[in-house]
């Protein structure tokens, strides 16, 4: 996967900032979501707000 991203970057097919944002999202979002799911001190309403934040971030990343 990284080789493909590097190849596309070298060809000018991928915006490096967009790729960096996607890489950051892929590294952080799943772990954060798992943390929110497992934290018993966060209410369901608070969890939904956090899930919405991650979803908004995903949409922004995919739009680039």
C-alpha atoms as a PDB file:
ATOM      1  CA  UNK A   1       0.000   0.000   0.000  1.00  0.00           C
ATOM      2  CA  UNK A   2       2.770   2.452   0.881  1.00  0.00           C
ATOM      3  CA  UNK A   3       4.595   1.615  -2.349  1.00  0.00           C
ATOM      4  CA  UNK A   4       1.427   2.439  -4.294  1.00  0.00           C
ATOM      5  CA  UNK A   5       1.016   5.748  -2.445  1.00  0.00           C
ATOM      6  CA  UNK A   6       4.645   6.650  -3.149  1.00  0.00           C
ATOM      7  CA  UNK A   7       4.260   5.724  -6.817  1.00  0.00           C
ATOM      8  CA  UNK A   8       1.082   7.777  -7.162  1.00  0.00           C
ATOM      9  CA  UNK A   9       2.721  10.692  -5.373  1.00  0.00           C
ATOM     10  CA  UNK A  10       5.712  10.576  -7.719  1.00  0.00           C
ATOM     11  CA  UNK A  11       3.358  10.522 -10.692  1.00  0.00           C
ATOM     12  CA  UNK A  12       1.569  13.571  -9.346  1.00  0.00           C
ATOM     13  CA  UNK A  13      -1.630  11.604  -8.876  1.00  0.00           C
ATOM     14  CA  UNK A  14      -1.949  12.096  -5.127  1.00  0.00           C
ATOM     15  CA  UNK A  15      -1.973  15.308  -3.163  1.00  0.00           C
ATOM     16  CA  UNK A  16       0.644  14.751  -0.434  1.00  0.00           C
ATOM     17  CA  UNK A  17      -1.375  16.765   2.064  1.00  0.00           C
ATOM     18  CA  UNK A  18      -4.475  14.697   1.365  1.00  0.00           C
ATOM     19  CA  UNK A  19      -2.458  11.501   1.722  1.00  0.00           C
ATOM     20  CA  UNK A  20      -1.007  12.680   5.021  1.00  0.00           C
ATOM     21  CA  UNK A  21      -4.495  13.507   6.280  1.00  0.00           C
ATOM     22  CA  UNK A  22      -5.760  10.076   5.235  1.00  0.00           C
ATOM     23  CA  UNK A  23      -2.814   8.357   6.898  1.00  0.00           C
ATOM     24  CA  UNK A  24      -3.449  10.323  10.090  1.00  0.00           C
ATOM     25  CA  UNK A  25      -7.142   9.444  10.041  1.00  0.00           C
ATOM     26  CA  UNK A  26      -6.411   5.754   9.460  1.00  0.00           C
ATOM     27  CA  UNK A  27      -3.919   5.721  12.332  1.00  0.00           C
ATOM     28  CA  UNK A  28      -6.026   7.567  14.896  1.00  0.00           C
ATOM     29  CA  UNK A  29      -9.727   7.116  14.160  1.00  0.00           C
ATOM     30  CA  UNK A  30     -10.069   3.351  14.737  1.00  0.00           C
ATOM     31  CA  UNK A  31      -8.217   3.476  18.053  1.00  0.00           C
ATOM     32  CA  UNK A  32     -10.172   6.540  19.199  1.00  0.00           C
ATOM     33  CA  UNK A  33     -13.468   4.921  18.266  1.00  0.00           C
ATOM     34  CA  UNK A  34     -12.530   1.770  20.212  1.00  0.00           C
ATOM     35  CA  UNK A  35     -11.596   3.903  23.201  1.00  0.00           C
ATOM     36  CA  UNK A  36     -14.962   5.711  23.093  1.00  0.00           C
ATOM     37  CA  UNK A  37     -16.857   2.422  22.782  1.00  0.00           C
ATOM     38  CA  UNK A  38     -15.047   0.927  25.780  1.00  0.00           C
ATOM     39  CA  UNK A  39     -15.122   3.906  28.151  1.00  0.00           C
ATOM     40  CA  UNK A  40     -17.906   3.338  30.694  1.00  0.00           C
ATOM     41  CA  UNK A  41     -17.699   6.935  31.938  1.00  0.00           C
ATOM     42  CA  UNK A  42     -18.885   8.406  28.626  1.00  0.00           C
ATOM     43  CA  UNK A  43     -22.669   8.646  28.241  1.00  0.00           C
ATOM     44  CA  UNK A  44     -24.395   7.417  25.100  1.00  0.00           C
ATOM     45  CA  UNK A  45     -25.062  11.026  24.075  1.00  0.00           C
ATOM     46  CA  UNK A  46     -21.383  11.899  24.520  1.00  0.00           C
ATOM     47  CA  UNK A  47     -20.408   8.813  22.526  1.00  0.00           C
ATOM     48  CA  UNK A  48     -22.693   9.819  19.667  1.00  0.00           C
ATOM     49  CA  UNK A  49     -21.112  13.287  19.574  1.00  0.00           C
ATOM     50  CA  UNK A  50     -17.656  11.722  19.398  1.00  0.00           C
ATOM     51  CA  UNK A  51     -18.740   9.281  16.684  1.00  0.00           C
ATOM     52  CA  UNK A  52     -20.164  12.223  14.715  1.00  0.00           C
ATOM     53  CA  UNK A  53     -16.818  14.001  15.020  1.00  0.00           C
ATOM     54  CA  UNK A  54     -14.961  10.985  13.625  1.00  0.00           C
ATOM     55  CA  UNK A  55     -17.523  10.636  10.821  1.00  0.00           C
ATOM     56  CA  UNK A  56     -17.172  14.314   9.901  1.00  0.00           C
ATOM     57  CA  UNK A  57     -13.405  13.914   9.830  1.00  0.00           C
ATOM     58  CA  UNK A  58     -13.761  10.835   7.548  1.00  0.00           C
ATOM     59  CA  UNK A  59     -15.966  12.749   5.122  1.00  0.00           C
ATOM     60  CA  UNK A  60     -13.520  15.650   5.003  1.00  0.00           C
ATOM     61  CA  UNK A  61     -10.609  13.295   4.337  1.00  0.00           C
ATOM     62  CA  UNK A  62     -12.474  11.438   1.587  1.00  0.00           C
ATOM     63  CA  UNK A  63     -13.505  14.697  -0.085  1.00  0.00           C
ATOM     64  CA  UNK A  64      -9.878  15.696  -0.723  1.00  0.00           C
END
